Amino acid sequence: MKQPCKDCPFRKCVKSALSPERADDILNGITHDKAFHCHNTVDYSDSHEGRITSDSKLCFGAVLFLENTVRGGCRSNVMFRLGLMQKEFDIDDLRQDESVYQSFEDFLSEVTY
């Protein structure tokens, strides 16, 4: 994966309908060593919560968001470091990406309703 999917909630041009609680949950998770998987790779067949499968991939938008906003970038999260080691994405593909939110405040104010 080299870019966020077209409807990634971390992309500024996507009008996501995350609740304030869910947005806070996501940010709290990715800043506290939890994985966040791309919604296109999560199995939602049994529940709206979704189920992570062996085919689920880390959210590249979350990876770039961490790179843009957190000291240490995606390496500050154990699960994303593991994704790097398992070659799920390449460190050379990471860059300051203007299409992804640049701050927690912008993410929270834009994605919640």
N, C-alpha and C. Protein backbone atom coordinates (compact mmCIF):
# COMPACT_ATOMS: atom_id res chain seq x y z
N MET A 1 0.84 -1.17 0.00
CA MET A 1 0.00 0.00 0.00
C MET A 1 0.89 1.24 0.00
N LYS A 2 0.60 2.18 -0.88
CA LYS A 2 1.44 3.37 -0.99
C LYS A 2 0.66 4.66 -0.83
N GLN A 3 -0.64 4.55 -0.69
CA GLN A 3 -1.45 5.75 -0.48
C GLN A 3 -2.75 5.37 0.21
N PRO A 4 -3.38 6.34 0.88
CA PRO A 4 -4.66 6.05 1.52
C PRO A 4 -5.72 5.72 0.47
N CYS A 5 -6.68 4.89 0.82
CA CYS A 5 -7.76 4.58 -0.12
C CYS A 5 -8.59 5.83 -0.39
N LYS A 6 -9.39 5.81 -1.42
CA LYS A 6 -10.12 7.01 -1.85
C LYS A 6 -11.11 7.52 -0.81
N ASP A 7 -11.57 6.66 0.08
CA ASP A 7 -12.53 7.11 1.10
C ASP A 7 -12.00 6.94 2.52
N CYS A 8 -10.68 7.06 2.66
CA CYS A 8 -10.02 6.96 3.96
C CYS A 8 -10.45 8.13 4.85
N PRO A 9 -10.83 7.87 6.11
CA PRO A 9 -11.25 8.96 6.99
C PRO A 9 -10.12 9.94 7.33
N PHE A 10 -8.87 9.58 7.06
CA PHE A 10 -7.76 10.49 7.33
C PHE A 10 -7.48 11.44 6.17
N ARG A 11 -8.15 11.25 5.05
CA ARG A 11 -7.98 12.17 3.91
C ARG A 11 -8.89 13.37 4.10
N LYS A 12 -8.34 14.55 3.89
CA LYS A 12 -9.09 15.79 4.10
C LYS A 12 -10.29 15.93 3.16
N CYS A 13 -10.22 15.38 1.98
CA CYS A 13 -11.30 15.56 1.01
C CYS A 13 -12.47 14.61 1.26
N VAL A 14 -12.34 13.69 2.20
CA VAL A 14 -13.40 12.71 2.49
C VAL A 14 -14.27 13.25 3.61
N LYS A 15 -15.55 13.32 3.37
CA LYS A 15 -16.48 13.73 4.42
C LYS A 15 -16.99 12.48 5.12
N SER A 16 -16.30 12.13 6.18
CA SER A 16 -16.63 10.94 6.94
C SER A 16 -17.71 11.26 7.94
N ALA A 17 -18.46 10.26 8.33
CA ALA A 17 -19.53 10.43 9.31
C ALA A 17 -19.18 9.70 10.60
N LEU A 18 -17.98 9.93 11.09
CA LEU A 18 -17.59 9.33 12.35
C LEU A 18 -18.23 10.11 13.49
N SER A 19 -18.67 9.38 14.50
CA SER A 19 -19.16 10.06 15.70
C SER A 19 -17.96 10.65 16.43
N PRO A 20 -18.15 11.66 17.25
CA PRO A 20 -17.02 12.20 18.03
C PRO A 20 -16.36 11.12 18.88
N GLU A 21 -17.16 10.21 19.43
CA GLU A 21 -16.60 9.14 20.25
C GLU A 21 -15.71 8.21 19.43
N ARG A 22 -16.16 7.86 18.21
CA ARG A 22 -15.38 6.96 17.36
C ARG A 22 -14.09 7.63 16.91
N ALA A 23 -14.16 8.91 16.55
CA ALA A 23 -12.96 9.64 16.13
C ALA A 23 -11.95 9.68 17.28
N ASP A 24 -12.43 9.99 18.49
CA ASP A 24 -11.55 9.98 19.67
C ASP A 24 -10.96 8.60 19.91
N ASP A 25 -11.79 7.59 19.74
CA ASP A 25 -11.36 6.20 19.92
C ASP A 25 -10.22 5.84 18.96
N ILE A 26 -10.38 6.23 17.71
CA ILE A 26 -9.35 5.95 16.70
C ILE A 26 -8.05 6.64 17.06
N LEU A 27 -8.12 7.94 17.39
CA LEU A 27 -6.90 8.67 17.73
C LEU A 27 -6.26 8.13 19.00
N ASN A 28 -7.06 7.80 19.98
CA ASN A 28 -6.52 7.22 21.21
C ASN A 28 -5.83 5.89 20.92
N GLY A 29 -6.43 5.08 20.06
CA GLY A 29 -5.84 3.79 19.72
C GLY A 29 -4.51 3.91 19.01
N ILE A 30 -4.47 4.73 17.97
CA ILE A 30 -3.23 4.81 17.18
C ILE A 30 -2.11 5.52 17.92
N THR A 31 -2.44 6.28 18.97
CA THR A 31 -1.39 6.91 19.77
C THR A 31 -1.04 6.07 20.99
N HIS A 32 -1.69 4.93 21.13
CA HIS A 32 -1.40 4.02 22.25
C HIS A 32 -1.20 2.59 21.77
N ASP A 33 -0.42 2.46 20.70
CA ASP A 33 0.07 1.17 20.21
C ASP A 33 -0.98 0.19 19.69
N LYS A 34 -2.16 0.68 19.34
CA LYS A 34 -3.15 -0.21 18.75
C LYS A 34 -3.11 -0.09 17.23
N ALA A 35 -3.42 -1.19 16.58
CA ALA A 35 -3.49 -1.19 15.12
C ALA A 35 -4.79 -0.53 14.69
N PHE A 36 -4.77 0.06 13.52
CA PHE A 36 -5.99 0.57 12.90
C PHE A 36 -5.94 0.09 11.46
N HIS A 37 -6.92 -0.72 11.09
CA HIS A 37 -6.93 -1.36 9.78
C HIS A 37 -7.79 -0.60 8.79
N CYS A 38 -7.40 -0.68 7.53
CA CYS A 38 -8.17 -0.06 6.45
C CYS A 38 -9.57 -0.67 6.43
N HIS A 39 -10.57 0.20 6.42
CA HIS A 39 -11.95 -0.29 6.45
C HIS A 39 -12.29 -1.15 5.23
N ASN A 40 -11.55 -0.97 4.14
CA ASN A 40 -11.79 -1.79 2.95
C ASN A 40 -11.25 -3.21 3.10
N THR A 41 -10.47 -3.45 4.15
CA THR A 41 -9.90 -4.79 4.36
C THR A 41 -10.46 -5.48 5.59
N VAL A 42 -11.44 -4.86 6.23
CA VAL A 42 -12.08 -5.43 7.43
C VAL A 42 -13.37 -6.13 7.00
N ASP A 43 -13.66 -7.27 7.60
CA ASP A 43 -14.86 -8.04 7.27
C ASP A 43 -16.04 -7.53 8.09
N TYR A 44 -17.01 -6.91 7.40
CA TYR A 44 -18.20 -6.38 8.05
C TYR A 44 -19.43 -7.26 7.81
N SER A 45 -19.24 -8.49 7.37
CA SER A 45 -20.36 -9.35 7.01
C SER A 45 -21.21 -9.76 8.21
N ASP A 46 -20.61 -9.87 9.39
CA ASP A 46 -21.34 -10.33 10.57
C ASP A 46 -21.74 -9.21 11.52
N SER A 47 -21.12 -8.05 11.39
CA SER A 47 -21.36 -6.99 12.37
C SER A 47 -20.89 -5.65 11.83
N HIS A 48 -21.49 -4.58 12.32
CA HIS A 48 -21.03 -3.25 11.92
C HIS A 48 -19.71 -2.90 12.59
N GLU A 49 -19.33 -3.65 13.61
CA GLU A 49 -18.04 -3.46 14.28
C GLU A 49 -16.88 -3.92 13.39
N GLY A 50 -17.13 -4.94 12.60
CA GLY A 50 -16.10 -5.47 11.72
C GLY A 50 -15.20 -6.47 12.43
N ARG A 51 -14.58 -7.31 11.62
CA ARG A 51 -13.69 -8.35 12.12
C ARG A 51 -12.39 -8.29 11.33
N ILE A 52 -11.28 -8.25 12.06
CA ILE A 52 -9.97 -8.26 11.42
C ILE A 52 -9.69 -9.69 10.97
N THR A 53 -9.24 -9.83 9.73
CA THR A 53 -8.91 -11.15 9.19
C THR A 53 -7.43 -11.18 8.80
N SER A 54 -6.98 -12.31 8.32
CA SER A 54 -5.59 -12.42 7.87
C SER A 54 -5.34 -11.56 6.63
N ASP A 55 -6.40 -11.14 5.94
CA ASP A 55 -6.26 -10.28 4.77
C ASP A 55 -6.33 -8.80 5.10
N SER A 56 -6.65 -8.46 6.35
CA SER A 56 -6.76 -7.06 6.75
C SER A 56 -5.39 -6.39 6.72
N LYS A 57 -5.38 -5.15 6.25
CA LYS A 57 -4.14 -4.36 6.14
C LYS A 57 -4.25 -3.13 7.03
N LEU A 58 -3.10 -2.67 7.49
CA LEU A 58 -3.07 -1.43 8.26
C LEU A 58 -3.53 -0.27 7.37
N CYS A 59 -4.17 0.70 7.99
CA CYS A 59 -4.65 1.87 7.27
C CYS A 59 -3.47 2.78 6.93
N PHE A 60 -3.22 2.95 5.64
CA PHE A 60 -2.10 3.79 5.22
C PHE A 60 -2.37 5.26 5.54
N GLY A 61 -3.63 5.66 5.55
CA GLY A 61 -3.97 7.03 5.96
C GLY A 61 -3.57 7.28 7.40
N ALA A 62 -3.78 6.29 8.28
CA ALA A 62 -3.38 6.41 9.68
C ALA A 62 -1.86 6.47 9.79
N VAL A 63 -1.17 5.68 8.97
CA VAL A 63 0.30 5.70 8.95
C VAL A 63 0.78 7.11 8.62
N LEU A 64 0.25 7.69 7.54
CA LEU A 64 0.66 9.03 7.13
C LEU A 64 0.24 10.08 8.15
N PHE A 65 -0.94 9.92 8.74
CA PHE A 65 -1.39 10.86 9.76
C PHE A 65 -0.39 10.88 10.92
N LEU A 66 0.03 9.70 11.37
CA LEU A 66 1.03 9.64 12.44
C LEU A 66 2.35 10.29 12.01
N GLU A 67 2.74 10.05 10.78
CA GLU A 67 3.97 10.68 10.27
C GLU A 67 3.85 12.20 10.31
N ASN A 68 2.65 12.72 10.01
CA ASN A 68 2.43 14.16 9.95
C ASN A 68 2.27 14.80 11.32
N THR A 69 1.88 14.03 12.34
CA THR A 69 1.42 14.66 13.58
C THR A 69 2.14 14.25 14.85
N VAL A 70 2.79 13.11 14.87
CA VAL A 70 3.33 12.58 16.12
C VAL A 70 4.85 12.48 16.05
N ARG A 71 5.50 12.91 17.11
CA ARG A 71 6.95 12.75 17.17
C ARG A 71 7.28 11.26 17.06
N GLY A 72 8.13 10.91 16.15
CA GLY A 72 8.46 9.51 15.92
C GLY A 72 7.61 8.90 14.82
N GLY A 73 6.60 9.63 14.36
CA GLY A 73 5.75 9.17 13.26
C GLY A 73 5.12 7.82 13.53
N CYS A 74 4.97 7.04 12.49
CA CYS A 74 4.31 5.74 12.63
C CYS A 74 5.13 4.78 13.49
N ARG A 75 6.42 5.05 13.61
CA ARG A 75 7.27 4.19 14.44
C ARG A 75 6.96 4.35 15.93
N SER A 76 6.19 5.38 16.28
CA SER A 76 5.82 5.58 17.68
C SER A 76 4.76 4.56 18.12
N ASN A 77 4.17 3.84 17.18
CA ASN A 77 3.13 2.85 17.45
C ASN A 77 3.70 1.45 17.20
N VAL A 78 3.64 0.60 18.20
CA VAL A 78 4.20 -0.75 18.10
C VAL A 78 3.61 -1.53 16.93
N MET A 79 2.30 -1.45 16.75
CA MET A 79 1.65 -2.22 15.69
C MET A 79 2.07 -1.74 14.30
N PHE A 80 2.27 -0.44 14.13
CA PHE A 80 2.73 0.07 12.85
C PHE A 80 4.21 -0.26 12.62
N ARG A 81 5.01 -0.27 13.70
CA ARG A 81 6.40 -0.74 13.56
C ARG A 81 6.43 -2.18 13.11
N LEU A 82 5.54 -3.00 13.66
CA LEU A 82 5.44 -4.40 13.24
C LEU A 82 5.05 -4.48 11.76
N GLY A 83 4.12 -3.63 11.34
CA GLY A 83 3.75 -3.57 9.92
C GLY A 83 4.94 -3.23 9.03
N LEU A 84 5.80 -2.33 9.50
CA LEU A 84 7.02 -2.01 8.76
C LEU A 84 7.92 -3.23 8.66
N MET A 85 8.11 -3.92 9.78
CA MET A 85 8.99 -5.11 9.79
C MET A 85 8.44 -6.22 8.90
N GLN A 86 7.10 -6.33 8.83
CA GLN A 86 6.49 -7.37 8.01
C GLN A 86 6.31 -6.92 6.56
N LYS A 87 6.84 -5.74 6.24
CA LYS A 87 6.81 -5.20 4.87
C LYS A 87 5.39 -4.94 4.36
N GLU A 88 4.48 -4.60 5.29
CA GLU A 88 3.12 -4.25 4.90
C GLU A 88 3.12 -2.89 4.17
N PHE A 89 4.07 -2.05 4.54
CA PHE A 89 4.32 -0.81 3.82
C PHE A 89 5.80 -0.51 3.96
N ASP A 90 6.29 0.40 3.14
CA ASP A 90 7.72 0.69 3.09
C ASP A 90 7.96 2.09 3.62
N ILE A 91 8.96 2.24 4.44
CA ILE A 91 9.29 3.54 5.02
C ILE A 91 9.60 4.58 3.94
N ASP A 92 10.13 4.13 2.80
CA ASP A 92 10.44 5.05 1.70
C ASP A 92 9.18 5.63 1.06
N ASP A 93 8.03 4.99 1.29
CA ASP A 93 6.78 5.50 0.73
C ASP A 93 6.15 6.58 1.60
N LEU A 94 6.70 6.78 2.81
CA LEU A 94 6.14 7.75 3.73
C LEU A 94 6.69 9.13 3.44
N ARG A 95 5.82 10.12 3.51
CA ARG A 95 6.22 11.49 3.26
C ARG A 95 5.18 12.41 3.87
N GLN A 96 5.51 13.66 3.97
CA GLN A 96 4.51 14.65 4.40
C GLN A 96 3.44 14.66 3.31
N ASP A 97 2.24 14.31 3.65
CA ASP A 97 1.17 14.18 2.67
C ASP A 97 0.09 15.19 2.98
N GLU A 98 -0.05 16.18 2.11
CA GLU A 98 -1.02 17.26 2.33
C GLU A 98 -2.46 16.80 2.19
N SER A 99 -2.70 15.62 1.60
CA SER A 99 -4.08 15.14 1.45
C SER A 99 -4.61 14.54 2.75
N VAL A 100 -3.70 14.32 3.70
CA VAL A 100 -4.06 13.72 4.99
C VAL A 100 -4.02 14.82 6.05
N TYR A 101 -4.92 14.74 7.02
CA TYR A 101 -4.97 15.75 8.08
C TYR A 101 -3.59 15.96 8.71
N GLN A 102 -3.30 17.20 9.05
CA GLN A 102 -2.01 17.59 9.59
C GLN A 102 -2.03 17.79 11.10
N SER A 103 -3.21 17.67 11.72
CA SER A 103 -3.29 17.84 13.16
C SER A 103 -4.48 17.06 13.71
N PHE A 104 -4.41 16.75 14.98
CA PHE A 104 -5.51 16.07 15.67
C PHE A 104 -6.75 16.96 15.65
N GLU A 105 -6.55 18.24 15.86
CA GLU A 105 -7.68 19.18 15.91
C GLU A 105 -8.43 19.20 14.59
N ASP A 106 -7.70 19.28 13.48
CA ASP A 106 -8.34 19.29 12.16
C ASP A 106 -9.11 18.00 11.92
N PHE A 107 -8.50 16.87 12.26
CA PHE A 107 -9.17 15.58 12.09
C PHE A 107 -10.47 15.55 12.88
N LEU A 108 -10.40 15.91 14.16
CA LEU A 108 -11.59 15.86 15.01
C LEU A 108 -12.66 16.84 14.58
N SER A 109 -12.28 18.01 14.12
CA SER A 109 -13.30 19.00 13.74
C SER A 109 -13.94 18.69 12.40
N GLU A 110 -13.23 18.01 11.51
CA GLU A 110 -13.75 17.76 10.17
C GLU A 110 -14.48 16.43 10.01
N VAL A 111 -14.05 15.40 10.72
CA VAL A 111 -14.64 14.08 10.48
C VAL A 111 -15.86 13.79 11.32
N THR A 112 -16.06 14.54 12.39
CA THR A 112 -17.19 14.26 13.27
C THR A 112 -18.39 15.11 12.88
N TYR A 113 -19.55 14.62 13.23
CA TYR A 113 -20.78 15.36 12.91
C TYR A 113 -21.51 15.76 14.16
